[in-house]
Each structure stands twice: as structure tokens, then as C-alpha cells.
N, C-alpha and C. Protein backbone atom coordinates (compact mmCIF):
# COMPACT_ATOMS: atom_id res chain seq x y z
N UNK A 1 4.03 -6.89 12.81
CA UNK A 1 3.91 -7.26 11.57
C UNK A 1 3.84 -5.82 10.81
N UNK A 2 5.14 -5.99 10.03
CA UNK A 2 4.67 -4.80 8.79
C UNK A 2 4.09 -4.54 8.10
N UNK A 3 3.32 -3.06 7.65
CA UNK A 3 2.32 -2.94 6.37
C UNK A 3 2.83 -2.28 5.99
N UNK A 4 3.15 -2.20 4.48
CA UNK A 4 3.24 -1.04 3.49
C UNK A 4 2.30 0.29 2.79
N UNK A 5 2.59 0.86 2.67
CA UNK A 5 1.98 1.70 1.81
C UNK A 5 2.06 3.41 1.63
N UNK A 6 1.80 3.08 1.01
CA UNK A 6 1.82 5.10 0.49
C UNK A 6 1.37 6.17 0.59
N UNK A 7 2.28 7.19 0.45
CA UNK A 7 1.84 7.88 1.51
C UNK A 7 1.83 9.14 0.49
N UNK A 8 1.63 10.40 0.28
CA UNK A 8 0.98 11.29 -0.47
C UNK A 8 2.58 12.24 0.06
N UNK A 9 2.62 13.27 -0.57
CA UNK A 9 3.68 14.49 -0.50
C UNK A 9 3.49 15.28 0.28
N UNK A 10 2.52 15.35 1.44
CA UNK A 10 2.72 15.97 2.95
C UNK A 10 3.14 14.80 3.94
N UNK A 11 2.88 13.31 3.59
CA UNK A 11 3.31 12.33 4.41
C UNK A 11 2.27 12.48 5.65
N UNK A 12 0.61 13.14 4.94
CA UNK A 12 -0.58 12.25 5.56
C UNK A 12 -1.73 11.98 5.32
N UNK A 13 -1.90 11.44 4.12
CA UNK A 13 -2.21 11.09 3.81
C UNK A 13 -2.36 8.80 2.57
N UNK A 14 -2.89 8.26 2.77
CA UNK A 14 -2.57 6.64 2.71
C UNK A 14 -2.78 7.22 0.63
N UNK A 15 -2.28 6.29 0.18
CA UNK A 15 -2.93 7.74 -1.67
C UNK A 15 -2.72 6.19 -2.84
N UNK A 16 -3.00 5.70 -3.52
CA UNK A 16 -2.25 4.83 -4.09
C UNK A 16 -1.31 4.70 -4.67
N UNK A 17 -0.27 3.73 -5.56
CA UNK A 17 0.92 4.12 -5.14
C UNK A 17 1.96 4.80 -6.30
N UNK A 18 1.15 5.04 -7.63
CA UNK A 18 1.61 5.69 -8.02
C UNK A 18 1.33 7.35 -8.12
N UNK A 19 0.29 7.08 -7.24
CA UNK A 19 -0.14 8.45 -6.67
C UNK A 19 0.96 9.51 -6.04
N UNK A 20 1.56 9.04 -4.56
CA UNK A 20 2.64 9.55 -3.65
C UNK A 20 3.76 9.36 -3.95
N UNK A 21 4.62 10.44 -2.94
CA UNK A 21 6.05 10.54 -2.90
C UNK A 21 6.45 9.80 -2.21
N UNK A 22 5.92 9.05 -0.73
CA UNK A 22 6.19 8.56 -0.35
C UNK A 22 6.37 6.88 -0.14
N UNK A 23 6.78 6.30 0.35
CA UNK A 23 6.91 4.84 0.60
C UNK A 23 6.74 5.00 2.27
N UNK A 24 5.34 4.18 2.55
CA UNK A 24 6.05 3.93 3.94
C UNK A 24 6.22 2.69 4.88
N UNK A 25 6.40 1.94 5.82
CA UNK A 25 6.99 1.01 6.33
C UNK A 25 6.54 1.15 7.52
N UNK A 26 5.62 -0.19 8.50
CA UNK A 26 4.23 0.69 9.37
C UNK A 26 4.72 -0.58 10.36
N UNK A 27 5.61 -0.27 11.35
CA UNK A 27 5.53 -1.67 12.58
C UNK A 27 3.96 -1.88 13.03
N UNK A 28 3.18 -1.75 13.05
CA UNK A 28 1.79 -2.48 14.15
C UNK A 28 2.11 -2.67 15.92
N UNK A 29 4.04 -2.79 15.89
CA UNK A 29 3.26 -3.72 16.78
C UNK A 29 4.56 -2.81 18.10
N UNK A 30 5.87 -1.99 17.40
CA UNK A 30 6.02 -0.93 17.62
C UNK A 30 5.98 0.16 17.34
N UNK A 31 4.65 0.66 16.53
CA UNK A 31 3.60 2.29 16.37
C UNK A 31 4.68 2.64 15.71
N UNK A 32 5.66 2.07 14.68
CA UNK A 32 7.40 3.53 14.65
C UNK A 32 7.32 2.95 12.86
N UNK A 33 7.48 4.00 11.93
CA UNK A 33 7.43 3.58 10.48
C UNK A 33 8.48 4.51 10.00
N UNK A 34 8.75 3.94 8.99
CA UNK A 34 9.83 4.62 7.84
C UNK A 34 8.96 5.14 6.92
N UNK A 35 10.37 6.30 6.30
CA UNK A 35 9.74 6.61 4.81
C UNK A 35 10.54 6.69 4.15
N UNK A 36 10.44 6.75 2.74
CA UNK A 36 12.00 6.70 2.05
C UNK A 36 11.20 7.07 0.30
N UNK A 37 11.72 7.56 -0.24
CA UNK A 37 11.14 8.33 -1.45
C UNK A 37 10.53 7.02 -2.19
N UNK A 38 9.02 7.23 -2.87
CA UNK A 38 9.03 6.39 -3.05
C UNK A 38 9.40 5.59 -5.25
N UNK A 39 10.17 4.28 -4.96
CA UNK A 39 10.90 3.91 -5.58
C UNK A 39 10.78 3.89 -7.20
N UNK A 40 9.55 4.06 -7.17
CA UNK A 40 8.64 4.49 -9.04
C UNK A 40 9.00 5.12 -9.47
N UNK A 41 9.35 6.75 -8.53
CA UNK A 41 8.77 7.69 -8.92
C UNK A 41 9.68 8.53 -10.85
N UNK A 42 10.73 7.75 -10.78
CA UNK A 42 11.97 8.10 -11.84
C UNK A 42 11.07 7.26 -12.55
N UNK A 43 10.42 6.21 -13.14
CA UNK A 43 9.94 5.10 -13.86
C UNK A 43 9.05 5.87 -14.92
N UNK A 44 9.15 5.34 -16.24
CA UNK A 44 7.41 6.16 -16.58
C UNK A 44 6.87 4.64 -17.19
N UNK A 45 7.29 3.50 -16.44
CA UNK A 45 6.40 2.20 -16.86
C UNK A 45 6.50 1.32 -15.54
N UNK A 46 5.78 0.24 -15.56
CA UNK A 46 6.48 -0.48 -13.84
C UNK A 46 6.06 -0.24 -13.34
N UNK A 47 5.31 1.49 -12.26
CA UNK A 47 5.61 2.47 -11.61
C UNK A 47 5.52 1.28 -10.17
N UNK A 48 3.93 0.59 -10.37
CA UNK A 48 3.07 -0.52 -9.92
C UNK A 48 3.85 -1.88 -9.20
N UNK A 49 4.13 -2.29 -9.72
CA UNK A 49 5.50 -3.45 -10.07
C UNK A 49 7.00 -2.80 -8.56
N UNK A 50 7.13 -2.23 -9.95
CA UNK A 50 8.38 -1.78 -8.14
C UNK A 50 7.64 -1.52 -7.23
N UNK A 51 7.25 -0.23 -7.17
CA UNK A 51 6.24 -0.64 -5.48
C UNK A 51 6.64 -1.95 -4.82
N UNK A 52 5.29 -2.61 -5.51
CA UNK A 52 5.53 -3.80 -5.18
C UNK A 52 6.65 -5.11 -4.78
N UNK A 53 7.57 -4.74 -5.46
CA UNK A 53 9.08 -5.71 -5.14
C UNK A 53 10.01 -4.70 -3.87
N UNK A 54 9.78 -3.13 -3.99
CA UNK A 54 10.42 -2.47 -3.05
C UNK A 54 9.50 -2.80 -1.57
N UNK A 55 8.68 -3.15 -1.43
CA UNK A 55 7.00 -3.46 -0.57
C UNK A 55 8.07 -4.98 0.34
N UNK A 56 8.08 -5.98 -1.09
CA UNK A 56 8.76 -7.23 -1.06
C UNK A 56 9.80 -7.38 -0.58
N UNK A 57 11.26 -6.85 -0.69
CA UNK A 57 12.09 -6.71 -0.33
C UNK A 57 12.29 -6.16 0.89
N UNK A 58 11.44 -5.28 1.70
CA UNK A 58 11.72 -4.68 3.52
C UNK A 58 10.47 -5.88 4.21
N UNK A 59 10.34 -7.21 3.62
CA UNK A 59 8.71 -8.24 4.62
C UNK A 59 7.90 -7.41 4.46
N UNK A 60 7.34 -6.60 4.12
CA UNK A 60 5.78 -6.58 3.65
C UNK A 60 5.39 -7.35 3.52
N UNK A 61 4.43 -7.70 4.61
CA UNK A 61 3.55 -9.01 4.61
C UNK A 61 1.92 -8.33 4.31
N UNK A 62 1.66 -6.83 4.11
CA UNK A 62 0.01 -6.49 3.95
C UNK A 62 0.69 -5.52 3.71
N UNK A 63 -0.15 -5.22 2.67
CA UNK A 63 0.04 -3.74 1.73
C UNK A 63 -1.25 -2.67 1.87
N UNK A 64 -1.37 -1.53 2.09
CA UNK A 64 -3.08 -0.83 2.23
C UNK A 64 -3.00 -0.70 0.84
N UNK A 65 -4.46 -0.35 0.85
CA UNK A 65 -4.99 -0.84 -1.01
C UNK A 65 -6.08 0.34 -0.84
N UNK A 66 -5.55 1.63 -0.88
CA UNK A 66 -6.86 2.76 -1.73
C UNK A 66 -7.35 1.80 -3.28
N UNK A 67 -8.36 2.19 -3.53
CA UNK A 67 -9.29 2.54 -4.85
C UNK A 67 -7.52 2.28 -5.80
N UNK A 68 -7.70 1.68 -6.79
CA UNK A 68 -6.79 2.30 -7.93
C UNK A 68 -5.53 2.05 -7.74
N UNK A 69 -4.55 1.70 -6.47
CA UNK A 69 -3.56 1.25 -6.11
C UNK A 69 -2.85 0.47 -6.54
N UNK A 70 -3.68 -1.24 -7.46
CA UNK A 70 -3.66 -1.94 -8.04
C UNK A 70 -3.93 -2.02 -9.51
N UNK A 71 -2.65 -1.95 -10.73
CA UNK A 71 -3.89 -2.46 -11.65
C UNK A 71 -3.77 -4.23 -11.80
N UNK A 72 -4.03 -4.70 -13.02
CA UNK A 72 -4.53 -6.74 -12.88
C UNK A 72 -2.84 -7.04 -13.34
N UNK A 73 -1.85 -6.60 -13.38
CA UNK A 73 -0.43 -6.92 -13.32
C UNK A 73 0.04 -6.67 -12.35
N UNK A 74 -0.15 -5.80 -11.18
CA UNK A 74 0.75 -5.65 -10.46
C UNK A 74 0.12 -6.60 -9.04
N UNK A 75 -1.38 -6.39 -9.00
CA UNK A 75 -2.27 -7.65 -8.06
C UNK A 75 -1.55 -8.87 -8.32
N UNK A 76 -1.91 -9.50 -9.51
CA UNK A 76 -1.16 -10.57 -9.62
C UNK A 76 0.13 -10.85 -9.53
N UNK A 77 1.74 -9.89 -9.10
CA UNK A 77 3.18 -9.97 -9.03
C UNK A 77 2.88 -10.12 -7.43
N UNK A 78 1.53 -8.98 -6.27
CA UNK A 78 1.12 -9.03 -4.90
C UNK A 78 0.77 -10.40 -4.61
N UNK A 79 0.63 -10.96 -5.31
CA UNK A 79 -0.66 -12.45 -4.71
C UNK A 79 0.86 -13.46 -4.72
N UNK A 80 1.56 -13.14 -5.82
CA UNK A 80 2.56 -14.21 -5.76
C UNK A 80 3.26 -14.25 -5.39
N UNK A 81 3.50 -12.96 -4.69
CA UNK A 81 4.76 -12.95 -3.47
C UNK A 81 3.99 -13.21 -2.07
N UNK A 82 2.65 -14.00 -1.95
CA UNK A 82 1.59 -14.08 -0.89
C UNK A 82 1.29 -12.89 0.50
N UNK A 83 1.17 -11.79 -0.95
CA UNK A 83 0.72 -10.68 -0.10
C UNK A 83 -0.48 -10.39 0.80
N UNK A 84 -0.90 -10.12 1.43
CA UNK A 84 -2.28 -9.70 1.81
C UNK A 84 -2.27 -7.96 1.50
N UNK A 85 -3.74 -7.34 1.51
CA UNK A 85 -4.36 -6.31 1.82
C UNK A 85 -4.83 -6.38 3.00
N UNK A 86 -4.70 -4.42 2.97
CA UNK A 86 -5.93 -3.82 4.21
C UNK A 86 -7.01 -2.59 2.86
N UNK A 87 -8.00 -2.49 2.75
CA UNK A 87 -8.62 -2.22 1.80
C UNK A 87 -8.92 -0.79 2.31
N UNK A 88 -9.79 -0.37 1.08
CA UNK A 88 -10.13 1.11 2.85
C UNK A 88 -10.79 1.00 0.93
N UNK A 89 -12.19 2.76 1.38
CA UNK A 89 -12.91 2.74 0.25
C UNK A 89 -12.52 3.69 0.16
N UNK A 90 -11.91 4.77 0.09
CA UNK A 90 -11.13 5.91 -0.62
C UNK A 90 -10.06 6.21 0.29
N UNK A 91 -9.05 7.16 -0.34
CA UNK A 91 -7.52 7.91 0.85
C UNK A 91 -7.70 7.84 1.77
N UNK A 92 -7.15 7.87 3.07
CA UNK A 92 -7.39 7.82 4.24
C UNK A 92 -6.44 8.54 5.10
N UNK A 93 -6.20 9.57 6.00
CA UNK A 93 -5.18 9.57 6.19
C UNK A 93 -4.29 8.48 7.27
N UNK A 94 -3.29 8.84 7.60
CA UNK A 94 -2.68 7.41 8.43
C UNK A 94 -3.26 7.80 9.60
N UNK A 95 -3.39 8.90 10.33
CA UNK A 95 -3.54 8.79 11.65
C UNK A 95 -5.00 8.17 11.61
N UNK A 96 -6.16 7.94 11.04
CA UNK A 96 -7.50 7.24 10.44
C UNK A 96 -6.78 5.48 10.43
N UNK A 97 -6.05 5.55 10.11
CA UNK A 97 -5.48 4.36 9.91
C UNK A 97 -4.95 3.28 10.91
N UNK A 98 -4.40 4.67 11.48
CA UNK A 98 -3.53 3.80 13.04
C UNK A 98 -5.02 3.27 13.77
N UNK A 99 -5.46 4.25 14.35
CA UNK A 99 -6.62 4.25 15.25
C UNK A 99 -7.69 3.18 14.26
N UNK A 100 -8.46 2.85 12.45
CA UNK A 100 -9.07 1.79 12.34
C UNK A 100 -8.55 0.59 12.67
N UNK A 101 -6.88 0.11 12.44
CA UNK A 101 -6.43 -1.10 12.46
C UNK A 101 -5.88 -1.31 14.21
N UNK A 102 -6.23 -0.31 14.88
CA UNK A 102 -6.29 -0.81 16.61
C UNK A 102 -7.63 -0.80 17.19
N UNK A 103 -8.28 -1.00 16.27
CA UNK A 103 -9.58 -0.60 17.02
C UNK A 103 -10.63 -1.58 16.08
N UNK A 104 -9.48 -2.43 15.05
CA UNK A 104 -9.57 -3.92 14.24
C UNK A 104 -10.77 -3.72 12.70
N UNK A 105 -11.13 -2.58 12.77
CA UNK A 105 -12.09 -1.88 12.06
C UNK A 105 -11.05 -1.02 10.65
N UNK A 106 -10.85 -2.41 9.93
CA UNK A 106 -10.04 -2.40 8.50
C UNK A 106 -11.14 -3.72 8.16
N UNK A 107 -10.44 -3.88 6.53
CA UNK A 107 -10.53 -4.98 5.93
C UNK A 107 -9.34 -5.23 5.16
N UNK A 108 -9.17 -6.73 6.27
CA UNK A 108 -8.16 -7.58 5.66
C UNK A 108 -8.75 -8.34 4.65
N UNK A 109 -7.86 -8.46 3.70
CA UNK A 109 -8.08 -9.62 2.78
C UNK A 109 -6.89 -10.65 2.31
N UNK A 110 -7.34 -11.50 1.75
CA UNK A 110 -6.01 -11.94 0.18
C UNK A 110 -6.72 -11.78 -0.88
N UNK A 111 -7.90 -10.86 -0.79
CA UNK A 111 -7.83 -10.59 -2.16
C UNK A 111 -8.64 -9.05 -2.71
N UNK A 112 -8.79 -8.52 -3.62
CA UNK A 112 -9.11 -7.09 -4.32
C UNK A 112 -10.10 -7.28 -5.22
N UNK A 113 -11.49 -6.71 -5.55
CA UNK A 113 -12.50 -6.93 -6.50
C UNK A 113 -12.11 -6.36 -6.94
N UNK A 114 -12.12 -7.49 -8.89
CA UNK A 114 -11.68 -5.98 -9.51
C UNK A 114 -12.15 -5.08 -10.10
N UNK A 115 -13.03 -4.12 -9.30
CA UNK A 115 -13.64 -3.06 -9.50
C UNK A 115 -12.62 -2.06 -9.22
N UNK A 116 -12.01 -2.40 -7.72
CA UNK A 116 -11.09 -1.60 -7.33
C UNK A 116 -9.13 -1.83 -7.94
N UNK A 117 -10.02 -1.82 -8.71
CA UNK A 117 -8.04 -2.93 -10.04
C UNK A 117 -7.97 -1.72 -11.22
N UNK A 118 -7.08 -0.76 -11.10
CA UNK A 118 -7.07 0.26 -12.13
C UNK A 118 -7.01 -0.37 -13.56
N UNK A 119 -7.75 0.22 -14.48
CA UNK A 119 -7.98 -0.10 -15.68
C UNK A 119 -6.44 0.34 -16.49
N UNK A 120 -6.10 -0.64 -17.18
CA UNK A 120 -4.09 -0.69 -18.59
C UNK A 120 -4.93 0.34 -19.11
């Protein structure tokens, strides 16, 4: 399955969409990944939606979601595209994410609690 996430400038930590320099597509079967520049970097508005659209075009099935990754509008867009979420309490290192995913110690959900959405 393909999992989408946004990485910090050092490509070590999973962060909210607008806080990262890179987007990563991770294949949990092969454990390989591909990084590209965050498609929202040059935008003034619609940053989260740009990341959602990019993930959708990459056939992403799951999105990593630390708190404040989505606003209400981008969350609605992801839901309309039938995406699901791996939620975290905070930004986490990619290596920790891989271990937690492998051990089944990760929260897979089809919704995100309102308190974890960024206020507009």
C-alpha cells in the first residue's frame, strides 16, 4: 500500500503539510520510498489542498497526519477522495513510524477528530 507523508527539511521527521520541504511516497510492502519537493512551497493559498491533490495523483491510499496537518477544507477534500489516515499525537521520526507500522502500533482511521484540524 502507498502511504503519503510530508517530511521536514532533513527528511527525518513526518510533519504537517505546510511545515515540510518534501513529500514522501512510501510503499510499505517493498519498504522503498520516493521524495520530491513539496508541491505547496511556492503557493500563498491552497497549500494543503495542493498536497492532497498531489497525493491523489500518486494513488496514495493513506496519509500520515500529525496534528494540524489538515484544515477543515483540506480534510473534506481528502475524504471526498476516499483517503484514510494514520494519525499521530505529534510529529514523529520516519524510522519510528516504520517500526510502529510494522508492529501494528499505529492509529489507522477514516476520520480525524476536529481538535486535530488546524483552525483557518
